[in-house]
Protein backbone atom coordinates (compact mmCIF):
# COMPACT_ATOMS: atom_id res chain seq x y z
CA MET A 1 0.12 0.15 0.10
CA LYS A 2 2.58 2.30 0.81
CA GLN A 3 4.38 1.39 -2.42
CA LYS A 4 1.56 2.35 -3.87
CA ILE A 5 0.92 6.05 -2.41
CA PHE A 6 4.78 6.74 -3.52
CA PHE A 7 4.29 6.22 -7.31
CA SER A 8 0.97 7.69 -7.44
CA PHE A 9 2.95 10.87 -5.40
CA LEU A 10 5.72 10.45 -7.77
CA LEU A 11 3.62 10.27 -11.28
CA PHE A 12 0.97 13.20 -9.63
CA SER A 13 5.13 15.39 -9.13
CA LEU A 14 5.85 14.95 -12.55
CA VAL A 15 2.50 15.58 -14.38
CA SER A 16 2.85 18.87 -12.15
CA SER A 17 5.83 19.32 -12.85
CA SER A 18 5.72 19.47 -16.63
CA CYS A 19 2.24 21.54 -16.71
CA SER A 20 4.38 24.20 -14.53
CA GLU A 21 7.03 24.09 -17.27
CA SER A 22 5.02 24.09 -20.19
CA SER A 23 2.82 27.27 -18.85
CA LYS A 24 5.80 29.80 -18.70
CA PRO A 25 5.94 32.10 -21.33
CA THR A 26 8.47 32.03 -23.90
CA PRO A 27 10.83 34.94 -23.48
CA VAL A 28 10.16 38.01 -25.95
CA VAL A 29 13.72 38.83 -27.55
CA PRO A 30 13.72 42.62 -28.57
CA PRO A 31 14.09 43.48 -31.84
CA VAL A 32 17.48 44.78 -33.00
CA VAL A 33 17.07 48.18 -33.80
CA GLU A 34 19.11 50.08 -35.99
CA ASP A 35 21.03 53.37 -34.93
CA ILE A 36 20.40 54.90 -38.28
CA PHE A 37 20.41 58.38 -39.61
CA ASN A 38 18.16 59.19 -42.99
CA ALA A 39 19.35 62.49 -43.86
CA THR A 40 16.53 65.18 -45.21
CA TYR A 41 18.72 67.83 -46.54
CA SER A 42 18.23 67.57 -50.26
CA PHE A 43 21.36 68.25 -52.48
CA SER A 44 19.24 70.84 -54.43
CA ASP A 45 19.69 72.35 -51.42
CA LEU A 46 23.28 72.85 -50.67
CA VAL A 47 25.38 76.41 -50.99
CA LYS A 48 28.87 75.91 -52.05
CA ASN A 49 31.69 76.65 -49.97
CA ALA A 50 34.50 79.13 -50.79
CA SER A 51 37.56 78.04 -48.68
CA PHE A 52 39.40 76.68 -51.29
CA GLU A 53 40.52 77.87 -54.20
CA ASP A 54 39.58 76.33 -58.09
CA ALA A 55 41.88 73.45 -59.57
CA LYS A 56 45.58 74.24 -60.57
CA ILE A 57 47.48 71.32 -62.26
CA VAL A 58 50.15 69.94 -60.05
CA CYS A 59 51.48 67.35 -62.52
CA LEU A 60 49.76 65.30 -65.25
CA LEU A 61 49.98 61.03 -65.04
CA ASN A 62 51.15 59.86 -68.16
CA ASP A 63 52.35 56.59 -67.43
CA ASN A 64 50.54 53.28 -68.48
CA LYS A 65 50.14 52.62 -65.09
CA PHE A 66 47.83 55.47 -64.82
CA THR A 67 45.33 54.72 -67.08
CA GLU A 68 42.41 53.50 -64.61
CA ALA A 69 43.28 55.48 -61.75
CA SER A 70 41.22 54.86 -58.64
CA GLY A 71 42.66 56.61 -55.19
CA ILE A 72 44.52 58.82 -54.17
CA GLY A 73 46.02 59.45 -50.54
CA ALA A 74 48.62 61.58 -49.26
CA SER A 75 51.80 60.36 -48.12
CA GLN A 76 52.59 60.93 -44.09
CA VAL A 77 56.49 59.98 -44.19
CA ASN A 78 57.46 61.22 -47.46
CA LYS A 79 56.95 64.36 -47.58
CA GLY A 80 54.69 66.04 -50.46
CA MET A 81 54.83 62.83 -52.48
CA LEU A 82 50.54 60.82 -53.02
CA TYR A 83 50.49 56.99 -53.63
CA VAL A 84 47.73 56.49 -56.87
CA GLU A 85 46.07 53.06 -57.19
CA GLU A 86 44.29 51.72 -60.02
CA ASP A 87 40.62 49.86 -60.10
CA SER A 88 40.07 46.23 -61.47
CA GLY A 89 42.14 43.78 -63.75
CA ASN A 90 45.57 45.89 -63.16
CA PRO A 91 48.33 44.88 -61.17
CA ASN A 92 48.14 44.43 -57.12
CA GLN A 93 50.08 47.00 -57.07
CA ILE A 94 49.97 51.05 -55.78
CA GLN A 95 52.91 53.80 -56.99
CA LEU A 96 54.07 56.80 -54.84
CA ILE A 97 54.39 59.77 -57.23
CA ASN A 98 55.85 63.16 -56.92
CA GLN A 99 54.57 66.44 -57.53
CA SER A 100 56.27 66.58 -60.92
CA GLY A 101 54.26 62.84 -61.65
CA ALA A 102 56.82 60.94 -61.80
CA ILE A 103 56.76 57.26 -59.81
CA VAL A 104 58.84 57.05 -56.90
CA ALA A 105 58.74 53.79 -55.88
CA ASN A 106 56.30 50.82 -57.44
CA TYR A 107 54.91 48.32 -54.31
CA THR A 108 53.13 45.07 -54.86
CA ILE A 109 50.90 44.09 -52.25
CA GLY A 110 52.03 40.15 -51.51
CA THR A 111 50.06 38.02 -53.16
CA VAL A 112 46.66 39.17 -53.29
CA GLY A 113 44.32 39.85 -56.19
CA ASN A 114 43.52 43.52 -57.45
CA ARG A 115 39.37 42.09 -57.48
CA ASP A 116 38.55 46.05 -57.55
CA TRP A 117 40.67 48.20 -56.04
CA GLU A 118 38.88 51.27 -55.58
CA ASP A 119 40.45 54.09 -53.24
CA LEU A 120 42.72 54.53 -50.45
CA ALA A 121 43.80 56.06 -47.39
CA VAL A 122 46.89 57.20 -45.45
CA ALA A 123 46.48 57.41 -41.30
CA PRO A 124 47.58 55.71 -38.37
CA GLY A 125 46.93 52.42 -37.64
CA PRO A 126 47.85 49.58 -34.99
CA ASP A 127 51.30 50.46 -33.55
CA ALA A 128 51.53 53.71 -32.61
CA GLY A 129 52.73 56.89 -34.21
CA VAL A 130 53.52 54.36 -37.35
CA SER A 131 51.55 56.06 -40.46
CA TYR A 132 49.75 52.77 -42.80
CA VAL A 133 48.60 52.75 -46.34
CA TYR A 134 44.75 51.14 -46.69
CA VAL A 135 43.95 49.96 -49.66
CA ALA A 136 40.37 49.34 -50.01
CA ASP A 137 39.21 46.28 -52.31
CA ILE A 138 35.70 46.98 -52.23
CA GLY A 139 34.35 47.69 -55.79
CA ASP A 140 31.69 45.57 -56.49
CA ASN A 141 29.91 46.31 -59.96
CA LYS A 142 27.99 42.84 -60.68
CA SER A 143 26.93 42.74 -56.76
CA GLN A 144 28.69 39.25 -56.82
CA TYR A 145 30.98 39.89 -54.15
CA PRO A 146 29.55 38.54 -50.10
CA THR A 147 32.59 40.69 -48.39
CA LYS A 148 35.88 43.50 -49.11
CA PHE A 149 39.20 43.64 -48.04
CA ILE A 150 41.58 46.52 -46.80
CA TYR A 151 44.96 45.66 -47.22
CA ARG A 152 46.53 47.75 -43.89
CA PHE A 153 50.44 48.19 -43.76
CA PRO A 154 53.08 50.85 -42.74
CA GLU A 155 54.53 53.65 -44.98
CA PRO A 156 57.17 53.00 -46.42
CA SER A 157 60.18 55.05 -47.05
CA VAL A 158 62.25 56.33 -50.03
CA ALA A 159 64.83 58.26 -47.68
CA GLY A 160 68.31 56.76 -49.08
CA LYS A 161 67.00 54.87 -51.50
CA SER A 162 67.81 54.94 -55.24
CA LEU A 163 65.06 55.62 -57.14
CA PRO A 164 63.28 54.85 -58.56
CA ILE A 165 62.06 51.43 -55.82
CA ASN A 166 60.50 48.17 -56.66
CA GLU A 167 59.22 46.66 -53.45
CA THR A 168 57.15 43.42 -52.19
CA ILE A 169 54.60 44.14 -49.29
CA THR A 170 55.35 40.75 -47.64
CA THR A 171 54.27 41.84 -44.25
CA PHE A 172 49.74 42.80 -44.21
CA ASP A 173 47.29 43.43 -41.89
CA LYS A 174 44.03 41.49 -44.65
CA ILE A 175 40.44 43.03 -42.48
CA GLU A 176 37.82 41.36 -44.85
CA LEU A 177 34.17 42.75 -44.05
CA LYS A 178 30.57 42.26 -44.66
CA LEU A 179 28.01 44.31 -45.64
CA PRO A 180 25.02 43.92 -42.80
CA ASP A 181 22.57 44.79 -45.13
CA GLY A 182 23.31 43.00 -48.59
CA VAL A 183 26.16 43.05 -51.58
CA LYS A 184 26.65 46.35 -52.73
CA ASN A 185 29.57 48.08 -54.38
CA ALA A 186 31.03 50.42 -52.89
CA GLU A 187 34.27 53.38 -54.22
CA SER A 188 34.57 54.99 -50.68
CA LEU A 189 36.99 54.59 -48.03
CA MET A 190 37.59 56.46 -45.25
CA VAL A 191 39.92 56.34 -42.31
CA ASP A 192 38.82 58.55 -38.91
CA PRO A 193 42.83 58.59 -38.13
CA LEU A 194 41.04 59.98 -34.05
CA THR A 195 40.02 56.36 -33.59
CA LYS A 196 41.17 54.15 -36.43
CA ASP A 197 37.63 53.16 -37.16
CA ILE A 198 37.08 51.76 -40.53
CA TYR A 199 34.26 53.80 -42.95
CA ILE A 200 33.76 52.29 -46.42
CA VAL A 201 30.90 55.10 -48.22
CA SER A 202 28.33 52.23 -50.61
CA LYS A 203 28.09 53.83 -54.29
CA GLU A 204 23.30 54.11 -55.08
CA SER A 205 21.29 57.48 -55.64
CA LEU A 206 21.43 56.95 -52.04
CA ALA A 207 24.62 56.50 -50.69
CA THR A 208 25.54 54.06 -47.25
CA VAL A 209 27.99 54.78 -45.13
CA TYR A 210 28.92 52.13 -43.19
CA ILE A 211 31.66 52.06 -39.68
CA ALA A 212 33.96 48.84 -39.01
CA THR A 213 34.85 50.30 -35.31
CA TYR A 214 39.00 50.06 -34.12
CA PRO A 215 40.52 47.39 -33.71
CA GLN A 216 39.56 45.87 -36.92
CA ASP A 217 39.82 41.97 -36.62
CA VAL A 218 42.41 40.29 -39.22
CA THR A 219 41.16 36.81 -38.72
CA LYS A 220 37.54 36.74 -39.35
CA VAL A 221 34.85 38.93 -40.69
CA THR A 222 33.87 41.95 -39.56
CA THR A 223 30.08 42.80 -40.37
CA MET A 224 29.76 46.24 -40.49
CA LYS A 225 27.42 49.03 -38.52
CA ARG A 226 24.93 51.30 -40.60
CA LEU A 227 25.10 54.46 -39.62
CA ALA A 228 23.91 56.67 -42.27
CA VAL A 229 21.62 57.07 -45.58
CA LEU A 230 23.21 59.98 -47.76
CA PRO A 231 21.17 61.76 -50.52
CA LEU A 232 24.00 61.56 -52.25
CA SER A 233 24.27 59.45 -55.70
CA THR A 234 27.42 57.49 -57.14
CA LEU A 235 29.53 58.06 -55.30
CA THR A 236 33.44 57.92 -56.47
CA ALA A 237 36.18 58.23 -53.38
CA GLY A 238 36.57 59.90 -49.54
CA ASP A 239 38.96 60.96 -47.15
CA ILE A 240 39.49 62.72 -43.28
CA SER A 241 42.17 64.89 -42.71
CA SER A 242 45.18 64.58 -41.02
CA ASP A 243 44.12 66.34 -37.79
CA GLY A 244 40.16 64.55 -38.04
CA ASN A 245 37.60 67.17 -38.51
CA GLU A 246 36.80 67.32 -41.90
CA VAL A 247 35.84 64.55 -44.59
CA LEU A 248 35.47 64.79 -48.37
CA LEU A 249 33.49 62.64 -50.44
CA LYS A 250 32.90 63.16 -54.47
CA SER A 251 31.29 61.36 -57.13
CA LYS A 252 32.21 62.35 -61.01
CA SER A 253 30.33 65.87 -60.71
CA PHE A 254 30.58 67.85 -57.16
CA ILE A 255 32.60 67.43 -53.82
CA CYS A 256 30.49 67.47 -50.44
CA TYR A 257 32.60 69.57 -47.51
CA TRP A 258 32.25 67.99 -43.77
CA LYS A 259 33.59 70.44 -41.29
CA LYS A 260 33.80 70.17 -37.24
CA SER A 261 32.51 73.15 -35.18
CA GLY A 262 33.10 70.94 -31.63
CA ASN A 263 34.48 67.42 -30.16
CA GLU A 264 31.75 65.41 -32.29
CA SER A 265 32.49 62.47 -33.74
CA ILE A 266 32.87 61.06 -37.73
CA THR A 267 29.50 60.08 -37.32
CA GLU A 268 27.74 63.10 -35.89
CA LEU A 269 29.78 65.08 -38.58
CA LEU A 270 27.70 63.28 -40.78
CA LYS A 271 24.48 63.37 -39.97
CA LYS A 272 24.93 67.28 -40.47
CA THR A 273 24.47 68.95 -43.82
CA PRO A 274 27.17 69.35 -45.82
CA THR A 275 28.89 72.35 -48.25
CA LEU A 276 29.70 72.00 -52.14
CA VAL A 277 34.03 72.72 -52.31
CA ALA A 278 35.35 74.12 -55.66
CA TYR A 279 35.54 71.07 -58.08
CA THR A 280 36.78 70.57 -61.62
CA ILE A 281 34.56 67.87 -63.21
CA GLU A 282 36.47 65.48 -64.46
CA GLN A 283 35.39 62.83 -66.42
CA GLN A 284 35.33 59.67 -64.28
CA GLY A 285 36.13 61.61 -60.41
CA GLU A 286 37.52 58.37 -59.05
CA ALA A 287 39.79 59.80 -56.65
CA VAL A 288 40.13 63.09 -53.62
CA CYS A 289 42.34 63.13 -51.04
CA PHE A 290 43.55 65.93 -48.33
CA ALA A 291 47.15 67.18 -48.51
CA ALA A 292 49.34 65.83 -46.19
CA ASP A 293 49.32 68.99 -44.02
CA ARG A 294 46.12 70.40 -44.75
CA SER A 295 46.71 73.72 -47.00
CA GLY A 296 44.20 71.60 -49.79
CA TYR A 297 43.14 68.36 -51.49
CA PHE A 298 44.14 67.07 -54.63
CA THR A 299 41.58 64.86 -57.00
CA THR A 300 42.42 62.76 -60.25
CA SER A 301 40.69 60.37 -62.37
CA GLU A 302 41.07 57.22 -65.00
CA ARG A 303 42.12 58.69 -68.46
CA PRO A 304 39.24 60.20 -70.98
CA ASP A 305 41.10 58.37 -73.03
CA ALA A 306 44.37 55.89 -73.41
CA MET A 307 46.26 58.59 -75.60
CA GLN A 308 45.36 61.74 -73.33
CA ASP A 309 47.36 62.71 -69.36
CA GLN A 310 45.37 63.00 -66.74
CA PRO A 311 45.85 65.63 -64.53
CA VAL A 312 46.21 65.38 -60.85
CA TYR A 313 44.71 68.95 -59.14
CA PHE A 314 45.15 70.80 -56.86
CA TYR A 315 43.09 72.81 -54.44
CA LYS A 316 44.65 75.60 -52.23
CA ARG A 317 42.58 76.42 -48.83
CA LYS A 318 42.36 80.78 -49.06
């Protein structure tokens, strides 16, 4: 009898426990809400900014290695010199030129390919006090690549070397990035010198700004975060000044400019309405960068035709 009562009690306990567990409410997981800014200004509302002079030609790119120039960056190590890269189908190589347009150095980036190199930047990186080159393999005209690559390495110095230099960069970081909202074409890379955060801007009718905060992982794919949608069409290049206070984003037909008024971040700055700065329209208009000393900015482009030299323009700060 005692055994029968024990088993009856055990059965009651199991049933009660089961009913209790099943009656518990399923935890509600709140949806992920992106803190994304949608700019409401219209391009037609943008006013002209007279802070910079009209273009002056610095030099002509007359070497065949510049036929499809797609990115430009000002060296912080080699005074007065500029890095230039070409886009898809060209060698995995960047050139360092002087102010007369002559090639001072050819740097091959390891064994990686040039899938579609569309921009480059010169900015701080992992080691304090060291200037780095960031090469952006981010183009995707056919929307077929699930990830994008940034190759980062310390700036080489040409001091004391026989010119022109031909070197291979064997030690570099490979940062693999994924956009959170699908496969997109992009041609604009910016690196914040104050935070070392990486920004990529898509090339669409409405540009989307993405961020990969520092430190970026070099061992696995990082999903970037969407920050803002801007009413700016088909942007081809971008840059942040070496003091972190100014931003340029350009297309083939205009250059937008932002300048900090305080201690706001780049993310906060891009929420403001930009102005339009001086620009001599180039046929392709692929590249822009601030001068290393912030005295102005440079632009260049693919050659309009293979037989015509492409100017590098400089817009001096007034």
